[in-house]
Amino acid sequence: MERLITKLTEKHVLFTASFAIRLALVAYGDYQDRTMVVKYTDIDYHVFTDAARFITEGKSPYNRSTYRYTPLLAWLLTPNIYLSMVFGKILFIVCDVLSGLLIYRILRLRGLSSETARRVCSLWLLNPLPMGVSSRGNAESILAALVLGTILCMEARHLMWAAILYGLSVHMKIYPVTYALPIALTLRTPETTSEEGKKRYGWEFLHETYLYHLTRRDIRHNFSPYFYMLYLTSDSRWSQWLGLAAFLPQLVLLLVASWAFHSDLAFCCFLHTAIFVSFNKVCTSQYFLWYLCLLPLVIPHLSLSLKQGVGLLLLWFAGQGIWLGPAYFLEFEGYNTFLLIWLAGLLFLIINSSILIQIVAHYKPTQTPQRLKVE
């Protein structure tokens, strides 16, 4: 088994195999979509494609209802219309593998050996969750690549490229804006202190992509501890204010994390993302990728034993499993399990918070990144 793991984590074999597996999943997904009742492709992929179709017709991508993303994504997927429906999935799995490469380069820059860096980045490249998400047509891998690219450029002190990639990542999704404070604090060091475009879709873009999420009241069942409250108060005149108040725990925790851990940007970004997702008004499985892509940068600096690490991982999966039970009976059997789903969501929040506390307690801050020659 040890020999097999060593072979799989050899650099070129690892990246080739991880891409091949994702490509096979895309091919299998096409087969399942054509032959089975339950479809493999994520519904969001059809939303992206419909928005891209509106682009090719000279219309706004927001003519597609439920399209709540940057118009850039719709532009990127116009080859879905001109070439093949599979183009977007290929783009997403390429970004997925690229994220693994960026993890490898960041770890090398932070002083890890080539072999250790390969083993750690394999936790992303051979992870079935990002494999499934990208091959089903979800665009989270693009954001993962942009965030990791930002961290790599920050670590290497390529600040112009870091600014460009960071701007793109915030443009794609709003949550990386929480990294602004730790980034600013990181730049306030002795060695660095010496050193508006056309709005194509105007207010429509600003509202649908960003501002909508401030007042969003998603009452569908999800992992968020707030969903049941928002569900029960959906017709109340206080509902919008309750939705805004839900941001307060996030804000306080993000400010504390920024001040306490800004000296280690990768770790701080991981904490920011995990806090943002865990305490968000909407929390679905695909959101977990936002912090899982940063976890490999943290693992080498944890003093947790293998037994403790596996225990925390099993606890995290158990929290999801407990939630999925009542969610299944609501979604597919039609039972009223909203209260059970909410209680499971609260338990999952407690589990996530406990795991974060353990990670912070066992984290050994990295030293100033070394400028190593990266293979």
Protein backbone atom coordinates (compact mmCIF):
# COMPACT_ATOMS: atom_id res chain seq x y z
CA MET A 1 0.00 0.00 0.00
CA GLU A 2 2.85 2.39 0.88
CA ARG A 3 4.46 1.69 -2.50
CA LEU A 4 1.16 2.35 -4.29
CA ILE A 5 0.69 5.67 -2.50
CA THR A 6 4.27 6.66 -3.37
CA LYS A 7 3.68 5.87 -7.04
CA LEU A 8 0.40 7.77 -7.12
CA THR A 9 1.98 10.83 -5.54
CA GLU A 10 4.86 11.10 -8.00
CA LYS A 11 4.31 14.50 -9.52
CA HIS A 12 3.52 13.78 -13.16
CA VAL A 13 1.65 10.56 -12.42
CA LEU A 14 -0.43 12.31 -9.76
CA PHE A 15 -1.57 15.18 -11.97
CA THR A 16 -2.13 12.99 -15.04
CA ALA A 17 -4.12 10.42 -13.08
CA SER A 18 -6.23 13.04 -11.30
CA PHE A 19 -7.13 14.68 -14.62
CA ALA A 20 -7.90 11.32 -16.23
CA ILE A 21 -10.24 10.36 -13.38
CA ARG A 22 -12.12 13.64 -13.68
CA LEU A 23 -12.34 13.22 -17.45
CA ALA A 24 -13.77 9.73 -16.96
CA LEU A 25 -16.37 11.15 -14.56
CA VAL A 26 -17.42 13.72 -17.18
CA ALA A 27 -17.87 10.91 -19.72
CA TYR A 28 -19.80 8.82 -17.21
CA GLY A 29 -21.97 11.82 -16.35
CA ASP A 30 -22.96 12.18 -20.00
CA TYR A 31 -23.96 8.50 -20.04
CA GLN A 32 -26.01 8.81 -16.84
CA ASP A 33 -27.76 11.93 -18.08
CA ARG A 34 -28.84 10.10 -21.25
CA THR A 35 -29.90 6.80 -19.70
CA MET A 36 -31.04 7.35 -16.11
CA VAL A 37 -33.86 9.20 -14.37
CA VAL A 38 -31.55 10.75 -11.77
CA LYS A 39 -29.20 13.09 -13.65
CA TYR A 40 -25.48 13.45 -12.95
CA THR A 41 -25.11 17.03 -14.18
CA ASP A 42 -25.74 19.78 -11.63
CA ILE A 43 -28.80 21.92 -12.34
CA ASP A 44 -26.57 24.99 -12.04
CA TYR A 45 -24.70 23.88 -15.16
CA HIS A 46 -27.89 24.26 -17.18
CA VAL A 47 -28.40 27.69 -15.61
CA PHE A 48 -24.87 28.68 -16.69
CA THR A 49 -25.48 27.38 -20.20
CA ASP A 50 -28.82 29.16 -20.56
CA ALA A 51 -27.16 32.41 -19.46
CA ALA A 52 -24.40 31.83 -22.02
CA ARG A 53 -27.07 31.32 -24.69
CA PHE A 54 -28.56 34.72 -23.87
CA ILE A 55 -25.06 36.21 -24.25
CA THR A 56 -24.73 34.73 -27.75
CA GLU A 57 -28.08 36.30 -28.64
CA GLY A 58 -26.87 39.72 -27.53
CA LYS A 59 -29.02 39.74 -24.40
CA SER A 60 -28.29 39.96 -20.69
CA PRO A 61 -27.35 36.69 -18.93
CA TYR A 62 -29.68 37.78 -16.13
CA ASN A 63 -32.63 37.12 -18.42
CA ARG A 64 -32.13 33.58 -17.13
CA SER A 65 -34.00 33.40 -13.83
CA THR A 66 -31.91 32.21 -10.85
CA TYR A 67 -28.65 33.24 -12.58
CA ARG A 68 -26.89 34.90 -9.62
CA TYR A 69 -23.33 34.94 -10.89
CA THR A 70 -20.90 37.26 -12.63
CA PRO A 71 -21.54 37.78 -16.36
CA LEU A 72 -17.91 36.74 -16.87
CA LEU A 73 -18.91 33.13 -16.14
CA ALA A 74 -21.58 33.22 -18.82
CA TRP A 75 -19.06 34.69 -21.28
CA LEU A 76 -16.54 31.95 -20.42
CA LEU A 77 -19.15 29.29 -21.20
CA THR A 78 -20.30 30.60 -24.57
CA PRO A 79 -18.34 27.72 -26.20
CA ASN A 80 -21.05 25.52 -24.65
CA ILE A 81 -23.30 27.01 -27.31
CA TYR A 82 -20.83 27.33 -30.20
CA LEU A 83 -18.80 24.12 -29.70
CA SER A 84 -20.12 21.54 -27.25
CA MET A 85 -22.11 21.35 -24.03
CA VAL A 86 -19.18 19.56 -22.42
CA PHE A 87 -16.81 22.54 -22.76
CA GLY A 88 -17.68 24.05 -19.39
CA LYS A 89 -17.11 20.78 -17.55
CA ILE A 90 -13.68 20.41 -19.18
CA LEU A 91 -12.85 23.96 -18.10
CA PHE A 92 -13.93 23.21 -14.54
CA ILE A 93 -11.90 20.00 -14.20
CA VAL A 94 -8.84 21.76 -15.65
CA CYS A 95 -9.20 24.45 -12.97
CA ASP A 96 -9.66 21.68 -10.41
CA VAL A 97 -6.32 20.09 -11.34
CA LEU A 98 -4.73 23.54 -11.61
CA SER A 99 -5.80 24.15 -8.00
CA GLY A 100 -3.80 21.06 -7.01
CA LEU A 101 -0.76 22.41 -8.83
CA LEU A 102 -1.10 25.76 -7.06
CA ILE A 103 -1.33 23.98 -3.70
CA TYR A 104 1.89 22.13 -4.56
CA ARG A 105 3.71 25.35 -5.49
CA ILE A 106 2.55 27.17 -2.35
CA LEU A 107 3.71 24.30 -0.14
CA ARG A 108 7.11 24.22 -1.87
CA LEU A 109 7.43 27.97 -1.43
CA ARG A 110 6.67 27.54 2.26
CA GLY A 111 9.61 25.17 2.67
CA LEU A 112 8.11 21.67 2.27
CA SER A 113 10.03 19.02 0.38
CA SER A 114 8.82 18.00 -3.06
CA GLU A 115 7.66 14.59 -1.82
CA THR A 116 5.76 16.01 1.16
CA ALA A 117 4.15 18.68 -1.01
CA ARG A 118 2.97 16.02 -3.48
CA ARG A 119 1.49 13.91 -0.72
CA VAL A 120 -0.38 16.86 0.76
CA CYS A 121 -1.73 18.19 -2.54
CA SER A 122 -2.97 14.66 -3.34
CA LEU A 123 -5.52 15.26 -0.55
CA TRP A 124 -7.15 17.65 -3.01
CA LEU A 125 -6.36 15.98 -6.32
CA LEU A 126 -7.57 12.51 -5.22
CA ASN A 127 -10.47 13.80 -3.12
CA PRO A 128 -13.82 12.52 -4.46
CA LEU A 129 -15.69 15.67 -3.36
CA PRO A 130 -13.94 18.20 -5.66
CA MET A 131 -13.82 15.51 -8.37
CA GLY A 132 -17.59 15.10 -8.23
CA VAL A 133 -18.40 18.79 -7.94
CA SER A 134 -16.30 19.91 -10.93
CA SER A 135 -17.29 16.96 -13.18
CA ARG A 136 -20.98 17.60 -12.46
CA GLY A 137 -20.58 21.12 -13.87
CA ASN A 138 -20.17 23.31 -10.83
CA ALA A 139 -17.92 26.36 -11.27
CA GLU A 140 -16.37 26.40 -7.77
CA SER A 141 -13.04 25.13 -9.13
CA ILE A 142 -12.50 28.41 -11.00
CA LEU A 143 -12.81 30.29 -7.72
CA ALA A 144 -10.52 27.82 -5.93
CA ALA A 145 -7.84 28.39 -8.57
CA LEU A 146 -8.17 32.18 -8.29
CA VAL A 147 -7.96 32.16 -4.47
CA LEU A 148 -4.98 29.80 -4.44
CA GLY A 149 -3.31 31.84 -7.19
CA THR A 150 -3.77 34.95 -5.05
CA ILE A 151 -2.14 33.28 -2.04
CA LEU A 152 0.75 31.97 -4.17
CA CYS A 153 1.44 35.45 -5.55
CA MET A 154 1.20 36.97 -2.07
CA GLU A 155 3.63 34.39 -0.68
CA ALA A 156 6.03 35.03 -3.58
CA ARG A 157 5.51 38.81 -3.23
CA HIS A 158 4.24 39.22 -6.80
CA LEU A 159 1.83 41.85 -5.58
CA MET A 160 0.55 43.08 -8.94
CA TRP A 161 -0.53 39.59 -10.00
CA ALA A 162 -1.91 38.97 -6.51
CA ALA A 163 -4.06 42.10 -6.88
CA ILE A 164 -5.35 41.02 -10.29
CA LEU A 165 -6.21 37.49 -9.17
CA TYR A 166 -7.75 38.73 -5.93
CA GLY A 167 -9.89 41.20 -7.84
CA LEU A 168 -11.09 38.41 -10.14
CA SER A 169 -11.85 36.11 -7.23
CA VAL A 170 -14.00 38.77 -5.53
CA HIS A 171 -15.65 39.43 -8.88
CA MET A 172 -16.54 35.74 -9.19
CA LYS A 173 -17.96 35.36 -5.66
CA ILE A 174 -18.35 37.86 -2.85
CA TYR A 175 -16.89 35.83 0.03
CA PRO A 176 -13.15 36.41 -0.75
CA VAL A 177 -13.74 40.08 0.05
CA THR A 178 -13.36 38.98 3.69
CA TYR A 179 -9.65 38.40 2.94
CA ALA A 180 -9.13 42.14 2.38
CA LEU A 181 -8.33 42.94 6.01
CA PRO A 182 -5.74 40.16 6.57
CA ILE A 183 -4.18 40.97 3.19
CA ALA A 184 -3.93 44.66 4.14
CA LEU A 185 -2.47 43.75 7.53
CA THR A 186 0.00 41.38 5.87
CA LEU A 187 1.20 44.15 3.56
CA ARG A 188 1.88 46.41 6.55
CA THR A 189 5.43 45.06 6.92
CA PRO A 190 8.74 46.95 6.78
CA GLU A 191 9.71 45.51 3.41
CA THR A 192 6.45 46.46 1.72
CA THR A 193 5.56 49.81 3.32
CA SER A 194 8.18 51.48 1.09
CA GLU A 195 6.84 50.18 -1.86
CA GLU A 196 -13.07 52.11 -12.99
CA GLY A 197 -14.04 50.06 -15.90
CA LYS A 198 -17.08 50.00 -18.06
CA LYS A 199 -20.20 48.48 -16.41
CA ARG A 200 -21.53 46.15 -19.14
CA TYR A 201 -24.67 45.20 -17.22
CA GLY A 202 -24.76 48.09 -14.70
CA TRP A 203 -27.09 47.88 -11.72
CA GLU A 204 -28.41 44.51 -12.85
CA PHE A 205 -24.93 43.00 -12.42
CA LEU A 206 -24.34 44.65 -9.04
CA HIS A 207 -27.69 43.55 -7.67
CA GLU A 208 -27.83 39.97 -8.96
CA THR A 209 -24.17 39.10 -8.24
CA TYR A 210 -23.47 40.97 -5.01
CA LEU A 211 -26.21 43.02 -3.36
CA TYR A 212 -28.79 40.25 -3.69
CA HIS A 213 -26.81 38.12 -1.25
CA LEU A 214 -26.97 40.78 1.49
CA THR A 215 -30.76 40.57 1.68
CA ARG A 216 -31.07 37.01 0.43
CA ARG A 217 -33.52 34.93 2.47
CA ASP A 218 -33.13 31.39 1.20
CA ILE A 219 -35.76 29.30 3.00
CA ARG A 220 -34.87 26.04 1.29
CA HIS A 221 -33.39 23.45 3.62
CA ASN A 222 -29.61 23.70 3.89
CA PHE A 223 -26.87 23.28 6.49
CA SER A 224 -27.21 26.87 7.74
CA PRO A 225 -28.37 27.33 11.36
CA TYR A 226 -30.45 30.28 10.15
CA PHE A 227 -32.56 28.61 7.48
CA TYR A 228 -35.40 27.51 9.78
CA MET A 229 -35.71 30.97 11.35
CA LEU A 230 -35.82 32.57 7.90
CA TYR A 231 -38.32 29.90 6.77
CA LEU A 232 -40.70 30.62 9.69
CA THR A 233 -40.42 34.41 9.31
CA SER A 234 -40.48 34.54 5.50
CA ASP A 235 -43.74 36.53 5.51
CA SER A 236 -42.78 38.77 8.43
CA ARG A 237 -41.89 42.42 7.93
CA TRP A 238 -38.83 41.73 10.11
CA SER A 239 -37.51 39.00 7.84
CA GLN A 240 -35.16 41.24 5.87
CA TRP A 241 -33.67 42.70 9.06
CA LEU A 242 -33.20 39.23 10.52
CA GLY A 243 -31.32 38.26 7.36
CA LEU A 244 -28.99 41.22 7.78
CA ALA A 245 -28.52 40.52 11.50
CA ALA A 246 -27.31 37.02 10.59
CA PHE A 247 -24.12 38.62 9.26
CA LEU A 248 -23.10 39.94 12.70
CA PRO A 249 -21.55 36.70 14.09
CA GLN A 250 -19.63 36.32 10.83
CA LEU A 251 -18.38 39.90 10.99
CA VAL A 252 -17.17 39.66 14.59
CA LEU A 253 -15.38 36.34 14.06
CA LEU A 254 -13.77 37.51 10.81
CA LEU A 255 -12.42 40.65 12.46
CA VAL A 256 -10.97 38.63 15.35
CA ALA A 257 -9.40 36.07 12.97
CA SER A 258 -7.90 38.85 10.83
CA TRP A 259 -6.24 40.56 13.77
CA ALA A 260 -4.99 37.35 15.38
CA PHE A 261 -3.68 35.43 12.36
CA HIS A 262 -2.93 37.92 9.56
CA SER A 263 0.80 37.19 9.81
CA ASP A 264 0.12 33.77 8.22
CA LEU A 265 -2.06 34.68 5.24
CA ALA A 266 -2.85 31.15 4.04
CA PHE A 267 -4.02 30.05 7.49
CA CYS A 268 -5.98 33.26 7.97
CA CYS A 269 -7.76 32.82 4.63
CA PHE A 270 -8.63 29.24 5.59
CA LEU A 271 -10.14 30.40 8.89
CA HIS A 272 -12.02 33.22 7.14
CA THR A 273 -13.54 30.87 4.61
CA ALA A 274 -14.46 28.18 7.15
CA ILE A 275 -16.09 30.81 9.39
CA PHE A 276 -17.90 32.43 6.47
CA VAL A 277 -19.33 29.11 5.25
CA SER A 278 -20.22 27.71 8.69
CA PHE A 279 -22.07 30.84 9.85
CA ASN A 280 -23.58 31.82 6.49
CA LYS A 281 -27.31 32.20 5.87
CA VAL A 282 -27.02 29.58 3.12
CA CYS A 283 -24.66 26.62 3.36
CA THR A 284 -24.62 23.74 0.86
CA SER A 285 -22.13 20.96 0.17
CA GLN A 286 -20.45 22.81 -2.71
CA TYR A 287 -19.55 25.63 -0.31
CA PHE A 288 -17.30 23.21 1.59
CA LEU A 289 -14.87 23.32 -1.36
CA TRP A 290 -14.20 26.98 -0.59
CA TYR A 291 -12.21 26.03 2.50
CA LEU A 292 -11.24 22.45 1.57
CA CYS A 293 -8.99 23.81 -1.21
CA LEU A 294 -7.08 25.77 1.48
CA LEU A 295 -6.90 22.92 4.00
CA PRO A 296 -3.81 21.28 2.37
CA LEU A 297 -1.90 24.50 3.09
CA VAL A 298 -2.75 24.13 6.78
CA ILE A 299 -2.29 20.38 7.35
CA PRO A 300 1.56 20.36 7.30
CA HIS A 301 1.58 22.77 10.25
CA LEU A 302 -0.86 20.86 12.48
CA SER A 303 0.44 18.96 15.49
CA LEU A 304 -2.59 16.65 15.50
CA SER A 305 -1.85 12.94 15.59
CA LEU A 306 -3.16 10.72 12.79
CA LYS A 307 -5.77 9.34 15.17
CA GLN A 308 -6.95 12.84 16.12
CA GLY A 309 -7.07 13.96 12.49
CA VAL A 310 -9.08 10.93 11.38
CA GLY A 311 -11.39 11.42 14.37
CA LEU A 312 -12.13 15.02 13.36
CA LEU A 313 -12.69 13.96 9.75
CA LEU A 314 -15.15 11.24 10.79
CA LEU A 315 -16.91 13.72 13.05
CA TRP A 316 -17.28 16.14 10.12
CA PHE A 317 -18.74 13.41 7.90
CA ALA A 318 -21.03 12.25 10.72
CA GLY A 319 -22.45 15.76 11.01
CA GLN A 320 -23.31 15.73 7.31
CA GLY A 321 -24.79 12.24 7.52
CA ILE A 322 -27.08 13.22 10.41
CA TRP A 323 -28.31 16.19 8.36
CA LEU A 324 -28.80 14.18 5.17
CA GLY A 325 -31.23 11.74 6.85
CA PRO A 326 -34.10 14.19 7.54
CA ALA A 327 -33.21 16.14 4.38
CA TYR A 328 -33.81 12.99 2.31
CA PHE A 329 -37.22 12.38 3.89
CA LEU A 330 -38.22 15.99 3.22
CA GLU A 331 -36.93 16.10 -0.36
CA PHE A 332 -37.93 12.66 -1.62
CA GLU A 333 -40.60 11.33 0.77
CA GLY A 334 -42.45 14.58 1.45
CA TYR A 335 -42.31 14.36 5.26
CA ASN A 336 -42.27 17.56 7.31
CA THR A 337 -38.77 17.27 8.80
CA PHE A 338 -37.88 20.97 8.87
CA LEU A 339 -37.35 20.99 12.64
CA LEU A 340 -35.08 17.93 12.51
CA ILE A 341 -33.09 19.47 9.65
CA TRP A 342 -32.61 22.66 11.66
CA LEU A 343 -31.47 20.71 14.74
CA ALA A 344 -29.05 18.73 12.56
CA GLY A 345 -27.78 22.03 11.13
CA LEU A 346 -27.14 23.35 14.64
CA LEU A 347 -25.26 20.14 15.49
CA PHE A 348 -23.20 20.51 12.31
CA LEU A 349 -22.36 24.11 13.28
CA ILE A 350 -21.20 22.90 16.71
CA ILE A 351 -19.09 20.20 15.04
CA ASN A 352 -17.52 22.67 12.61
CA SER A 353 -16.80 25.12 15.41
CA SER A 354 -15.20 22.37 17.52
CA ILE A 355 -13.02 21.29 14.58
CA LEU A 356 -11.92 24.89 13.97
CA ILE A 357 -11.02 25.28 17.65
CA GLN A 358 -8.91 22.10 17.46
CA ILE A 359 -7.18 23.31 14.29
CA VAL A 360 -6.35 26.68 15.85
CA ALA A 361 -5.14 25.03 19.06
CA HIS A 362 -2.83 22.60 17.21
CA TYR A 363 -1.58 24.97 14.49
CA LYS A 364 2.10 25.84 14.49
CA PRO A 365 2.54 29.17 12.67
CA THR A 366 4.78 29.00 9.64
CA GLN A 367 7.95 31.01 9.45
CA THR A 368 8.48 33.65 6.78
CA PRO A 369 8.03 31.85 3.44
CA GLN A 370 11.27 30.84 1.78
CA ARG A 371 11.95 31.73 -1.81
CA LEU A 372 12.60 28.20 -3.01
CA LYS A 373 12.96 27.16 -6.59
CA VAL A 374 9.67 25.40 -7.32
CA GLU A 375 9.72 22.41 -9.65
